[in-house]
Amino acid sequence: MIDLFLIAQADAAGPVLVPSPWRVLGALLVVAGLLAALAWALRRQQLVRRTGRGMGVESAIALGERRSLAIVTVEGRRLLLGLAPGSVTLVTELEPLPRFEDAMTAADAAARPSAGEEQS
């Protein structure tokens, strides 16, 4: 008899299918806060990346144990650096790489026959 009474009480109360409006509002505020924090972190990370655009390593080669040469671009200048434990040495400043448009113009000029040459 007691078992039937407990079952009847559970059925009478039933599960709560609709949460209270305060609980829904609280969950929405938490989700909105998390989205705002994520947007702020991503924006901050993009700002950090933008400030580092003036520098980059084009290539590097190991010369032996803990020694290497690296071509580094710093604010448009190309530098060949010698790297060793505890020191960085400027070997030389390299000429800037040609722009793509300039290289294409030079290739077109080299491929065309000059005015003095006869065409067959």
Protein backbone atom coordinates (compact mmCIF):
# COMPACT_ATOMS: atom_id res chain seq x y z
CA MET A 1 0.00 0.00 0.00
CA ILE A 2 2.77 2.42 0.80
CA ASP A 3 4.35 1.82 -2.62
CA LEU A 4 1.12 2.78 -4.36
CA PHE A 5 0.91 5.92 -2.26
CA LEU A 6 4.44 7.03 -3.24
CA ILE A 7 3.74 6.35 -6.91
CA ALA A 8 0.53 8.38 -6.74
CA GLN A 9 2.38 11.32 -5.17
CA ALA A 10 5.08 11.26 -7.84
CA ASP A 11 2.49 11.23 -10.61
CA ALA A 12 0.49 14.02 -9.01
CA ALA A 13 3.44 16.42 -8.80
CA GLY A 14 4.87 15.43 -12.19
CA PRO A 15 8.10 16.70 -13.63
CA VAL A 16 8.57 20.41 -14.19
CA LEU A 17 8.59 20.80 -17.96
CA VAL A 18 8.76 24.59 -18.08
CA PRO A 19 11.57 26.22 -16.11
CA SER A 20 10.91 29.45 -14.28
CA PRO A 21 11.46 32.70 -16.21
CA TRP A 22 14.19 33.73 -13.76
CA ARG A 23 16.15 30.59 -14.46
CA VAL A 24 15.87 31.14 -18.24
CA LEU A 25 16.91 34.78 -17.87
CA GLY A 26 19.89 33.78 -15.72
CA ALA A 27 21.03 31.19 -18.26
CA LEU A 28 20.72 33.72 -21.09
CA LEU A 29 22.80 36.25 -19.14
CA VAL A 30 25.50 33.67 -18.51
CA VAL A 31 25.64 32.71 -22.21
CA ALA A 32 25.70 36.38 -23.28
CA GLY A 33 28.52 37.06 -20.82
CA LEU A 34 30.55 34.13 -22.13
CA LEU A 35 30.05 35.32 -25.74
CA ALA A 36 31.13 38.86 -24.81
CA ALA A 37 34.26 37.53 -23.07
CA LEU A 38 35.10 35.37 -26.11
CA ALA A 39 34.64 38.33 -28.49
CA TRP A 40 36.88 40.50 -26.30
CA ALA A 41 39.61 37.82 -26.18
CA LEU A 42 39.54 37.32 -29.96
CA ARG A 43 39.68 41.06 -30.62
CA ARG A 44 42.62 41.42 -28.24
CA GLN A 45 44.46 38.54 -29.93
CA GLN A 46 43.98 40.19 -33.35
CA LEU A 47 45.44 43.45 -32.03
CA VAL A 48 48.49 41.59 -30.76
CA ARG A 49 48.95 39.92 -34.16
CA ARG A 50 48.68 43.24 -36.02
CA THR A 51 51.45 44.83 -33.99
CA GLY A 52 53.78 41.92 -34.82
CA ARG A 53 53.37 42.20 -38.60
CA GLY A 54 56.54 44.25 -39.02
CA MET A 55 58.73 41.28 -38.11
CA GLY A 56 59.10 37.75 -39.40
CA VAL A 57 61.57 34.95 -40.10
CA GLU A 58 61.78 34.17 -43.82
CA SER A 59 64.08 31.18 -43.48
CA ALA A 60 66.68 29.67 -41.18
CA ILE A 61 69.35 27.03 -41.52
CA ALA A 62 71.25 25.16 -38.82
CA LEU A 63 75.04 25.32 -39.06
CA GLY A 64 75.87 22.99 -36.24
CA GLU A 65 75.14 22.47 -32.61
CA ARG A 66 73.07 25.47 -31.45
CA ARG A 67 74.31 27.75 -34.26
CA SER A 68 72.28 28.95 -37.22
CA LEU A 69 71.77 31.62 -39.86
CA ALA A 70 68.38 33.29 -40.30
CA ILE A 71 66.94 35.73 -42.80
CA VAL A 72 64.68 38.06 -40.85
CA THR A 73 62.40 40.80 -42.14
CA VAL A 74 62.05 43.81 -39.83
CA GLU A 75 59.89 46.74 -40.98
CA GLY A 76 60.66 46.07 -44.63
CA ARG A 77 64.40 45.46 -44.15
CA ARG A 78 65.85 41.99 -44.79
CA LEU A 79 68.66 41.03 -42.43
CA LEU A 80 70.95 37.97 -42.42
CA LEU A 81 71.59 37.14 -38.77
CA GLY A 82 74.05 34.73 -37.21
CA LEU A 83 72.60 33.07 -34.11
CA ALA A 84 74.61 31.38 -31.39
CA PRO A 85 74.06 30.73 -27.69
CA GLY A 86 74.02 34.12 -26.03
CA SER A 87 74.58 36.21 -29.18
CA VAL A 88 72.88 37.50 -32.30
CA THR A 89 75.17 38.97 -34.97
CA LEU A 90 74.18 40.99 -38.03
CA VAL A 91 76.01 39.37 -40.94
CA THR A 92 74.67 41.67 -43.66
CA GLU A 93 71.60 43.54 -44.82
CA LEU A 94 70.07 41.92 -47.89
CA GLU A 95 68.31 43.65 -50.74
CA PRO A 96 64.52 43.59 -50.55
CA LEU A 97 62.74 40.94 -52.56
CA PRO A 98 61.30 42.23 -55.83
CA ARG A 99 57.58 42.82 -55.88
CA PHE A 100 55.52 40.36 -57.90
CA GLU A 101 54.51 42.99 -60.44
CA ASP A 102 58.14 44.03 -60.99
CA ALA A 103 59.22 40.40 -61.46
CA MET A 104 56.42 39.80 -63.99
CA THR A 105 57.36 42.92 -65.95
CA ALA A 106 61.01 41.84 -66.08
CA ALA A 107 60.02 38.30 -67.17
CA ASP A 108 57.78 39.68 -69.93
CA ALA A 109 60.55 41.98 -71.15
CA ALA A 110 63.03 39.08 -71.23
CA ALA A 111 60.61 36.81 -73.10
CA ARG A 112 59.84 39.31 -75.87
CA PRO A 113 62.29 39.56 -78.76
CA SER A 114 64.01 42.92 -78.98
CA ALA A 115 63.33 45.24 -81.94
CA GLY A 116 66.72 44.43 -83.54
CA GLU A 117 66.12 40.67 -83.65
CA GLU A 118 64.45 39.11 -86.68
CA GLN A 119 61.46 36.90 -86.24
CA SER A 120 61.26 33.65 -88.22
